[in-house]
C-alpha atoms as a PDB file:
ATOM      1  CA  MET A   1      14.218  15.754 -12.944  1.00  0.00           C
ATOM      2  CA  LYS A   2      16.751  14.961 -10.215  1.00  0.00           C
ATOM      3  CA  PHE A   3      16.320  12.968  -6.983  1.00  0.00           C
ATOM      4  CA  LEU A   4      18.447  13.237  -3.847  1.00  0.00           C
ATOM      5  CA  VAL A   5      18.732   9.834  -2.155  1.00  0.00           C
ATOM      6  CA  ILE A   6      20.053   9.383   1.388  1.00  0.00           C
ATOM      7  CA  LYS A   7      21.640   5.979   2.041  1.00  0.00           C
ATOM      8  CA  HIS A   8      22.451   4.997   5.606  1.00  0.00           C
ATOM      9  CA  VAL A   9      24.427   1.890   4.614  1.00  0.00           C
ATOM     10  CA  VAL A  10      26.023   1.078   1.271  1.00  0.00           C
ATOM     11  CA  VAL A  11      23.962  -2.051   0.577  1.00  0.00           C
ATOM     12  CA  GLU A  12      20.587  -0.406   1.226  1.00  0.00           C
ATOM     13  CA  GLY A  13      19.925   1.825  -1.742  1.00  0.00           C
ATOM     14  CA  LEU A  14      17.153   2.410  -4.247  1.00  0.00           C
ATOM     15  CA  GLY A  15      17.062  -1.227  -5.363  1.00  0.00           C
ATOM     16  CA  VAL A  16      14.580  -1.713  -8.180  1.00  0.00           C
ATOM     17  CA  PHE A  17      13.764   2.002  -8.072  1.00  0.00           C
ATOM     18  CA  GLU A  18      17.253   2.749  -9.412  1.00  0.00           C
ATOM     19  CA  SER A  19      16.499   1.050 -12.739  1.00  0.00           C
ATOM     20  CA  LEU A  20      13.103   2.750 -12.817  1.00  0.00           C
ATOM     21  CA  CYS A  21      14.840   6.119 -12.382  1.00  0.00           C
ATOM     22  CA  ASN A  22      17.185   5.269 -15.261  1.00  0.00           C
ATOM     23  CA  GLN A  23      14.261   4.297 -17.477  1.00  0.00           C
ATOM     24  CA  ALA A  24      12.531   7.599 -16.667  1.00  0.00           C
ATOM     25  CA  ASN A  25      15.727   9.625 -17.324  1.00  0.00           C
ATOM     26  CA  ILE A  26      15.824  10.838 -13.724  1.00  0.00           C
ATOM     27  CA  ASP A  27      19.241  11.852 -12.415  1.00  0.00           C
ATOM     28  CA  VAL A  28      20.081  10.577  -8.932  1.00  0.00           C
ATOM     29  CA  ASP A  29      22.547  12.035  -6.418  1.00  0.00           C
ATOM     30  CA  TYR A  30      23.418   9.861  -3.430  1.00  0.00           C
ATOM     31  CA  VAL A  31      24.412  10.808   0.096  1.00  0.00           C
ATOM     32  CA  GLU A  32      26.418   7.811   1.369  1.00  0.00           C
ATOM     33  CA  LEU A  33      26.408   8.297   5.141  1.00  0.00           C
ATOM     34  CA  GLU A  34      28.369   5.102   5.774  1.00  0.00           C
ATOM     35  CA  LYS A  35      31.155   6.611   3.667  1.00  0.00           C
ATOM     36  CA  GLY A  36      31.090   9.907   5.564  1.00  0.00           C
ATOM     37  CA  ASP A  37      29.237  12.044   3.005  1.00  0.00           C
ATOM     38  CA  SER A  38      27.784  15.368   4.124  1.00  0.00           C
ATOM     39  CA  PHE A  39      24.259  16.552   3.436  1.00  0.00           C
ATOM     40  CA  PRO A  40      24.070  18.911   0.441  1.00  0.00           C
ATOM     41  CA  SER A  41      21.785  21.839  -0.196  1.00  0.00           C
ATOM     42  CA  LEU A  42      18.315  20.814  -1.330  1.00  0.00           C
ATOM     43  CA  ASP A  43      18.342  23.393  -4.111  1.00  0.00           C
ATOM     44  CA  GLY A  44      17.703  21.953  -7.564  1.00  0.00           C
ATOM     45  CA  TYR A  45      16.176  18.637  -6.519  1.00  0.00           C
ATOM     46  CA  SER A  46      12.784  17.337  -7.583  1.00  0.00           C
ATOM     47  CA  ALA A  47      12.328  14.942  -4.647  1.00  0.00           C
ATOM     48  CA  LEU A  48      14.057  13.544  -1.569  1.00  0.00           C
ATOM     49  CA  TRP A  49      14.220   9.801  -0.905  1.00  0.00           C
ATOM     50  CA  VAL A  50      15.444   8.433   2.447  1.00  0.00           C
ATOM     51  CA  MET A  51      16.218   4.725   2.539  1.00  0.00           C
ATOM     52  CA  GLY A  52      16.485   2.089   5.271  1.00  0.00           C
ATOM     53  CA  GLY A  53      19.232   1.094   7.673  1.00  0.00           C
ATOM     54  CA  PRO A  54      19.906  -0.900  10.854  1.00  0.00           C
ATOM     55  CA  MET A  55      20.137   2.115  13.162  1.00  0.00           C
ATOM     56  CA  LYS A  56      17.260   3.465  15.252  1.00  0.00           C
ATOM     57  CA  VAL A  57      15.877   7.002  14.996  1.00  0.00           C
ATOM     58  CA  GLY A  58      17.073   7.733  18.544  1.00  0.00           C
ATOM     59  CA  ASP A  59      20.640   6.471  18.057  1.00  0.00           C
ATOM     60  CA  THR A  60      22.016  10.013  17.912  1.00  0.00           C
ATOM     61  CA  ASP A  61      24.971   9.244  20.189  1.00  0.00           C
ATOM     62  CA  ASP A  62      26.244   6.543  17.834  1.00  0.00           C
ATOM     63  CA  TYR A  63      25.115   8.346  14.675  1.00  0.00           C
ATOM     64  CA  PRO A  64      25.170  12.105  15.394  1.00  0.00           C
ATOM     65  CA  TRP A  65      24.279  12.878  11.784  1.00  0.00           C
ATOM     66  CA  LEU A  66      20.736  11.631  12.548  1.00  0.00           C
ATOM     67  CA  VAL A  67      20.026  15.002  14.175  1.00  0.00           C
ATOM     68  CA  GLU A  68      21.013  16.855  11.010  1.00  0.00           C
ATOM     69  CA  GLU A  69      19.203  14.347   8.821  1.00  0.00           C
ATOM     70  CA  LYS A  70      15.896  14.802  10.632  1.00  0.00           C
ATOM     71  CA  GLU A  71      16.249  18.563  10.297  1.00  0.00           C
ATOM     72  CA  LEU A  72      16.966  18.127   6.581  1.00  0.00           C
ATOM     73  CA  ILE A  73      13.797  16.062   6.226  1.00  0.00           C
ATOM     74  CA  ARG A  74      11.788  18.737   7.994  1.00  0.00           C
ATOM     75  CA  GLN A  75      13.274  21.447   5.765  1.00  0.00           C
ATOM     76  CA  ALA A  76      12.625  19.426   2.604  1.00  0.00           C
ATOM     77  CA  ILE A  77       8.954  19.038   3.451  1.00  0.00           C
ATOM     78  CA  GLN A  78       8.072  22.280   5.206  1.00  0.00           C
ATOM     79  CA  ASP A  79      10.482  24.828   3.713  1.00  0.00           C
ATOM     80  CA  TYR A  80      11.266  23.461   0.237  1.00  0.00           C
ATOM     81  CA  GLN A  81       7.957  21.621  -0.195  1.00  0.00           C
ATOM     82  CA  LEU A  82       9.822  18.792  -1.913  1.00  0.00           C
ATOM     83  CA  PRO A  83       8.055  15.527  -2.693  1.00  0.00           C
ATOM     84  CA  PHE A  84       9.366  12.962  -0.213  1.00  0.00           C
ATOM     85  CA  MET A  85       9.575   9.182  -0.037  1.00  0.00           C
ATOM     86  CA  GLY A  86      10.852   7.418   3.091  1.00  0.00           C
ATOM     87  CA  ILE A  87      11.454   3.653   3.094  1.00  0.00           C
ATOM     88  CA  CYS A  88      11.627   1.656   6.373  1.00  0.00           C
ATOM     89  CA  LEU A  89      14.041   3.714   8.529  1.00  0.00           C
ATOM     90  CA  GLY A  90      13.267   6.600   6.180  1.00  0.00           C
ATOM     91  CA  SER A  91       9.587   6.390   7.083  1.00  0.00           C
ATOM     92  CA  GLN A  92      10.437   6.270  10.785  1.00  0.00           C
ATOM     93  CA  LEU A  93      12.715   9.311  10.471  1.00  0.00           C
ATOM     94  CA  LEU A  94       9.903  11.117   8.659  1.00  0.00           C
ATOM     95  CA  ALA A  95       7.478  10.381  11.474  1.00  0.00           C
ATOM     96  CA  ASP A  96       9.990  11.386  14.144  1.00  0.00           C
ATOM     97  CA  ALA A  97      11.029  14.595  12.364  1.00  0.00           C
ATOM     98  CA  LEU A  98       7.429  15.781  12.077  1.00  0.00           C
ATOM     99  CA  GLY A  99       6.249  15.020  15.599  1.00  0.00           C
ATOM    100  CA  GLY A 100       5.266  11.353  15.486  1.00  0.00           C
ATOM    101  CA  THR A 101       6.550   8.582  17.749  1.00  0.00           C
ATOM    102  CA  VAL A 102       8.774   5.601  16.869  1.00  0.00           C
ATOM    103  CA  GLY A 103       9.507   2.670  19.171  1.00  0.00           C
ATOM    104  CA  VAL A 104      10.640  -0.940  19.457  1.00  0.00           C
ATOM    105  CA  MET A 105       8.305  -3.698  18.268  1.00  0.00           C
ATOM    106  CA  ALA A 106       7.442  -6.573  20.604  1.00  0.00           C
ATOM    107  CA  THR A 107       8.725  -8.935  17.879  1.00  0.00           C
ATOM    108  CA  PRO A 108      10.721  -7.913  14.765  1.00  0.00           C
ATOM    109  CA  GLU A 109       8.742  -8.154  11.544  1.00  0.00           C
ATOM    110  CA  VAL A 110      10.865 -10.083   9.051  1.00  0.00           C
ATOM    111  CA  GLY A 111       9.714 -12.027   6.011  1.00  0.00           C
ATOM    112  CA  LEU A 112       7.220 -11.951   3.187  1.00  0.00           C
ATOM    113  CA  LEU A 113       3.902 -10.966   4.719  1.00  0.00           C
ATOM    114  CA  PRO A 114       0.824  -9.224   3.341  1.00  0.00           C
ATOM    115  CA  ILE A 115      -0.155  -5.630   3.900  1.00  0.00           C
ATOM    116  CA  GLU A 116      -3.670  -4.290   3.507  1.00  0.00           C
ATOM    117  CA  LEU A 117      -4.567  -0.905   2.097  1.00  0.00           C
ATOM    118  CA  THR A 118      -6.865   1.164   4.263  1.00  0.00           C
ATOM    119  CA  THR A 119     -10.060   2.614   2.857  1.00  0.00           C
ATOM    120  CA  VAL A 120      -8.179   5.859   2.185  1.00  0.00           C
ATOM    121  CA  GLY A 121      -5.200   3.958   0.789  1.00  0.00           C
ATOM    122  CA  GLN A 122      -7.368   2.153  -1.751  1.00  0.00           C
ATOM    123  CA  THR A 123      -8.297   5.459  -3.369  1.00  0.00           C
ATOM    124  CA  HIS A 124      -5.027   7.338  -2.818  1.00  0.00           C
ATOM    125  CA  LEU A 125      -3.065   8.365  -5.913  1.00  0.00           C
ATOM    126  CA  LEU A 126       0.197   6.896  -4.604  1.00  0.00           C
ATOM    127  CA  LEU A 127      -1.295   3.405  -4.383  1.00  0.00           C
ATOM    128  CA  ALA A 128      -3.672   3.556  -7.363  1.00  0.00           C
ATOM    129  CA  GLY A 129      -3.707   0.314  -9.327  1.00  0.00           C
ATOM    130  CA  LEU A 130      -2.492  -1.857  -6.448  1.00  0.00           C
ATOM    131  CA  PRO A 131      -4.555  -4.690  -4.947  1.00  0.00           C
ATOM    132  CA  LYS A 132      -6.144  -4.237  -1.556  1.00  0.00           C
ATOM    133  CA  THR A 133      -3.839  -6.905  -0.114  1.00  0.00           C
ATOM    134  CA  TYR A 134      -0.463  -8.040  -1.455  1.00  0.00           C
ATOM    135  CA  PRO A 135       2.792  -9.543  -0.115  1.00  0.00           C
ATOM    136  CA  VAL A 136       5.807  -7.362   0.621  1.00  0.00           C
ATOM    137  CA  LEU A 137       9.238  -7.762   2.227  1.00  0.00           C
ATOM    138  CA  HIS A 138       9.451  -6.702   5.870  1.00  0.00           C
ATOM    139  CA  TRP A 139      12.687  -6.394   7.846  1.00  0.00           C
ATOM    140  CA  HIS A 140      12.449  -4.121  10.880  1.00  0.00           C
ATOM    141  CA  GLY A 141      12.407  -4.154  14.655  1.00  0.00           C
ATOM    142  CA  GLN A 142      11.155  -0.579  15.103  1.00  0.00           C
ATOM    143  CA  GLU A 143       7.834   0.868  14.024  1.00  0.00           C
ATOM    144  CA  VAL A 144       5.876   4.100  13.951  1.00  0.00           C
ATOM    145  CA  LYS A 145       3.809   4.039  17.139  1.00  0.00           C
ATOM    146  CA  GLN A 146       2.038   7.353  16.528  1.00  0.00           C
ATOM    147  CA  LEU A 147       1.698   9.166  13.223  1.00  0.00           C
ATOM    148  CA  PRO A 148       2.733  12.818  12.908  1.00  0.00           C
ATOM    149  CA  PRO A 149      -0.058  15.368  13.338  1.00  0.00           C
ATOM    150  CA  GLY A 150      -2.290  15.448  10.278  1.00  0.00           C
ATOM    151  CA  ALA A 151      -0.875  12.259   8.728  1.00  0.00           C
ATOM    152  CA  THR A 152      -3.131   9.697   7.056  1.00  0.00           C
ATOM    153  CA  LEU A 153      -2.726   5.923   7.314  1.00  0.00           C
ATOM    154  CA  LEU A 154      -2.588   4.264   3.884  1.00  0.00           C
ATOM    155  CA  ALA A 155      -1.668   0.640   4.650  1.00  0.00           C
ATOM    156  CA  THR A 156      -1.492  -1.639   7.667  1.00  0.00           C
ATOM    157  CA  SER A 157      -0.826  -5.223   8.764  1.00  0.00           C
ATOM    158  CA  PRO A 158      -1.577  -7.359  11.845  1.00  0.00           C
ATOM    159  CA  GLN A 159       2.067  -7.214  12.967  1.00  0.00           C
ATOM    160  CA  CYS A 160       2.610  -3.502  12.332  1.00  0.00           C
ATOM    161  CA  SER A 161      -0.277  -1.063  12.239  1.00  0.00           C
ATOM    162  CA  VAL A 162       1.581   1.641  10.280  1.00  0.00           C
ATOM    163  CA  GLN A 163       2.813   0.208   6.975  1.00  0.00           C
ATOM    164  CA  ALA A 164       2.345   3.300   4.809  1.00  0.00           C
ATOM    165  CA  PHE A 165       1.222   6.844   5.469  1.00  0.00           C
ATOM    166  CA  ALA A 166       0.909  10.248   3.858  1.00  0.00           C
ATOM    167  CA  VAL A 167       1.689  13.510   5.623  1.00  0.00           C
ATOM    168  CA  ASN A 168       0.432  15.699   2.810  1.00  0.00           C
ATOM    169  CA  ALA A 169      -0.276  15.293  -0.905  1.00  0.00           C
ATOM    170  CA  GLN A 170       3.393  14.599  -1.735  1.00  0.00           C
ATOM    171  CA  THR A 171       5.043  13.262   1.463  1.00  0.00           C
ATOM    172  CA  PHE A 172       5.036   9.521   2.094  1.00  0.00           C
ATOM    173  CA  GLY A 173       6.448   6.928   4.457  1.00  0.00           C
ATOM    174  CA  ILE A 174       6.542   3.224   3.573  1.00  0.00           C
ATOM    175  CA  GLN A 175       7.620   0.781   6.292  1.00  0.00           C
ATOM    176  CA  PHE A 176       8.079  -2.231   4.024  1.00  0.00           C
ATOM    177  CA  HIS A 177      10.754  -2.774   1.373  1.00  0.00           C
ATOM    178  CA  SER A 178       9.178  -2.284  -2.040  1.00  0.00           C
ATOM    179  CA  GLU A 179      12.681  -1.721  -3.483  1.00  0.00           C
ATOM    180  CA  VAL A 180      13.555  -5.429  -3.064  1.00  0.00           C
ATOM    181  CA  THR A 181      15.667  -7.217  -5.719  1.00  0.00           C
ATOM    182  CA  GLU A 182      17.183 -10.693  -6.085  1.00  0.00           C
ATOM    183  CA  VAL A 183      20.275  -9.691  -4.089  1.00  0.00           C
ATOM    184  CA  THR A 184      18.524  -7.936  -1.200  1.00  0.00           C
ATOM    185  CA  VAL A 185      18.384 -10.834   1.251  1.00  0.00           C
ATOM    186  CA  GLY A 186      21.966 -11.933   0.585  1.00  0.00           C
ATOM    187  CA  ASP A 187      23.282  -8.393   0.977  1.00  0.00           C
ATOM    188  CA  TRP A 188      21.349  -7.454   4.087  1.00  0.00           C
ATOM    189  CA  VAL A 189      21.987 -10.648   6.036  1.00  0.00           C
ATOM    190  CA  GLN A 190      25.655  -9.604   6.166  1.00  0.00           C
ATOM    191  CA  MET A 191      24.664  -6.852   8.610  1.00  0.00           C
ATOM    192  CA  PRO A 192      24.702  -8.237  12.167  1.00  0.00           C
ATOM    193  CA  ALA A 193      21.566  -6.402  13.307  1.00  0.00           C
ATOM    194  CA  TYR A 194      19.585  -7.646  10.328  1.00  0.00           C
ATOM    195  CA  ARG A 195      20.838 -11.230  10.671  1.00  0.00           C
ATOM    196  CA  THR A 196      19.861 -11.234  14.353  1.00  0.00           C
ATOM    197  CA  ASP A 197      16.324 -10.082  13.578  1.00  0.00           C
ATOM    198  CA  LEU A 198      16.007 -12.582  10.719  1.00  0.00           C
ATOM    199  CA  GLU A 199      17.187 -15.598  12.715  1.00  0.00           C
ATOM    200  CA  ALA A 200      15.113 -14.602  15.749  1.00  0.00           C
ATOM    201  CA  THR A 201      12.020 -14.502  13.545  1.00  0.00           C
ATOM    202  CA  LEU A 202      12.621 -17.168  10.888  1.00  0.00           C
ATOM    203  CA  GLY A 203      15.171 -19.489  12.517  1.00  0.00           C
ATOM    204  CA  PRO A 204      18.699 -20.557  11.464  1.00  0.00           C
ATOM    205  CA  THR A 205      17.622 -21.436   7.899  1.00  0.00           C
ATOM    206  CA  GLY A 206      15.752 -18.161   7.545  1.00  0.00           C
ATOM    207  CA  CYS A 207      18.205 -16.591   5.101  1.00  0.00           C
ATOM    208  CA  ASP A 208      17.839 -19.309   2.474  1.00  0.00           C
ATOM    209  CA  ASP A 209      14.118 -19.667   3.071  1.00  0.00           C
ATOM    210  CA  LEU A 210      13.515 -15.941   2.720  1.00  0.00           C
ATOM    211  CA  HIS A 211      15.711 -15.646  -0.368  1.00  0.00           C
ATOM    212  CA  GLN A 212      13.747 -18.399  -2.115  1.00  0.00           C
ATOM    213  CA  ALA A 213      10.442 -16.844  -1.118  1.00  0.00           C
ATOM    214  CA  VAL A 214      11.551 -13.417  -2.379  1.00  0.00           C
ATOM    215  CA  VAL A 215      12.695 -14.805  -5.743  1.00  0.00           C
ATOM    216  CA  ALA A 216       9.355 -16.572  -6.181  1.00  0.00           C
ATOM    217  CA  GLN A 217       7.355 -13.412  -5.455  1.00  0.00           C
ATOM    218  CA  LEU A 218       9.737 -10.913  -7.038  1.00  0.00           C
ATOM    219  CA  PRO A 219       7.822 -10.327 -10.311  1.00  0.00           C
ATOM    220  CA  GLN A 220       4.679  -9.412  -8.386  1.00  0.00           C
ATOM    221  CA  MET A 221       6.549  -7.237  -5.893  1.00  0.00           C
ATOM    222  CA  ASN A 222       8.547  -5.449  -8.602  1.00  0.00           C
ATOM    223  CA  GLN A 223       5.346  -4.724 -10.510  1.00  0.00           C
ATOM    224  CA  ALA A 224       3.844  -3.194  -7.368  1.00  0.00           C
ATOM    225  CA  ALA A 225       7.006  -1.090  -6.953  1.00  0.00           C
ATOM    226  CA  LYS A 226       6.778   0.057 -10.575  1.00  0.00           C
ATOM    227  CA  THR A 227       3.143   1.081 -10.104  1.00  0.00           C
ATOM    228  CA  THR A 228       3.983   2.982  -6.916  1.00  0.00           C
ATOM    229  CA  PHE A 229       6.947   4.698  -8.589  1.00  0.00           C
ATOM    230  CA  GLU A 230       4.884   5.782 -11.602  1.00  0.00           C
ATOM    231  CA  ASN A 231       2.213   7.114  -9.260  1.00  0.00           C
ATOM    232  CA  PHE A 232       4.868   9.057  -7.330  1.00  0.00           C
ATOM    233  CA  LEU A 233       6.053  10.650 -10.586  1.00  0.00           C
ATOM    234  CA  LYS A 234       2.489  11.674 -11.392  1.00  0.00           C
ATOM    235  CA  ILE A 235       2.269  13.329  -7.978  1.00  0.00           C
ATOM    236  CA  ILE A 236       5.524  15.196  -8.600  1.00  0.00           C
ATOM    237  CA  ASN A 237       4.323  16.407 -11.974  1.00  0.00           C
ATOM    238  CA  GLN A 238       1.099  17.677 -10.422  1.00  0.00           C
ATOM    239  CA  SER A 239       2.835  19.542  -7.609  1.00  0.00           C
END
């Protein structure tokens, strides 16, 4: 099994999912867009993962490769029928590529806040074994305003109505950061856009406060990520 993973910035990769891939003997090829990598052919891959980043889905003037990336996502899902996982920006690009709408939030959602599985989400294979409500890391100022045609809402929160969704039996978008590790907060706060959102939401001590909160909740969040990852593998094996 081999995954193709698109990274928009160097510090925002698979996180805890990288070690889970290693444990499952899954090969991973990375597209490092910040380093100028080109998009490869999708031939030979078992799934496509698209990670987060500080850019917006409509920033095609500043990041012209976004146009090609959204077409690649569409091809992966509709032409190659590849299992797909989009995280944060990746989920927004998924929605945009397939006809949904993404826009600016009234207030950025940053911090450890709970999500709630919808009725469908509670029985969906991707989220099987997870509690109805559990805390996750949020760090975004954009959100999916309208789901793509035919998509199903799997999780929500008071601050952001679309926290997870499925487009079909093997295509998923997750707005929150289930890939979080001990170094996530320290790495991401170095990016100006992320620091601005964090301090606007959590104040000048927000970095230290969030880091401590993440470390305290990390075992629970990593277990939820492991459950989600194992469920995703089951979906791949059934496809």
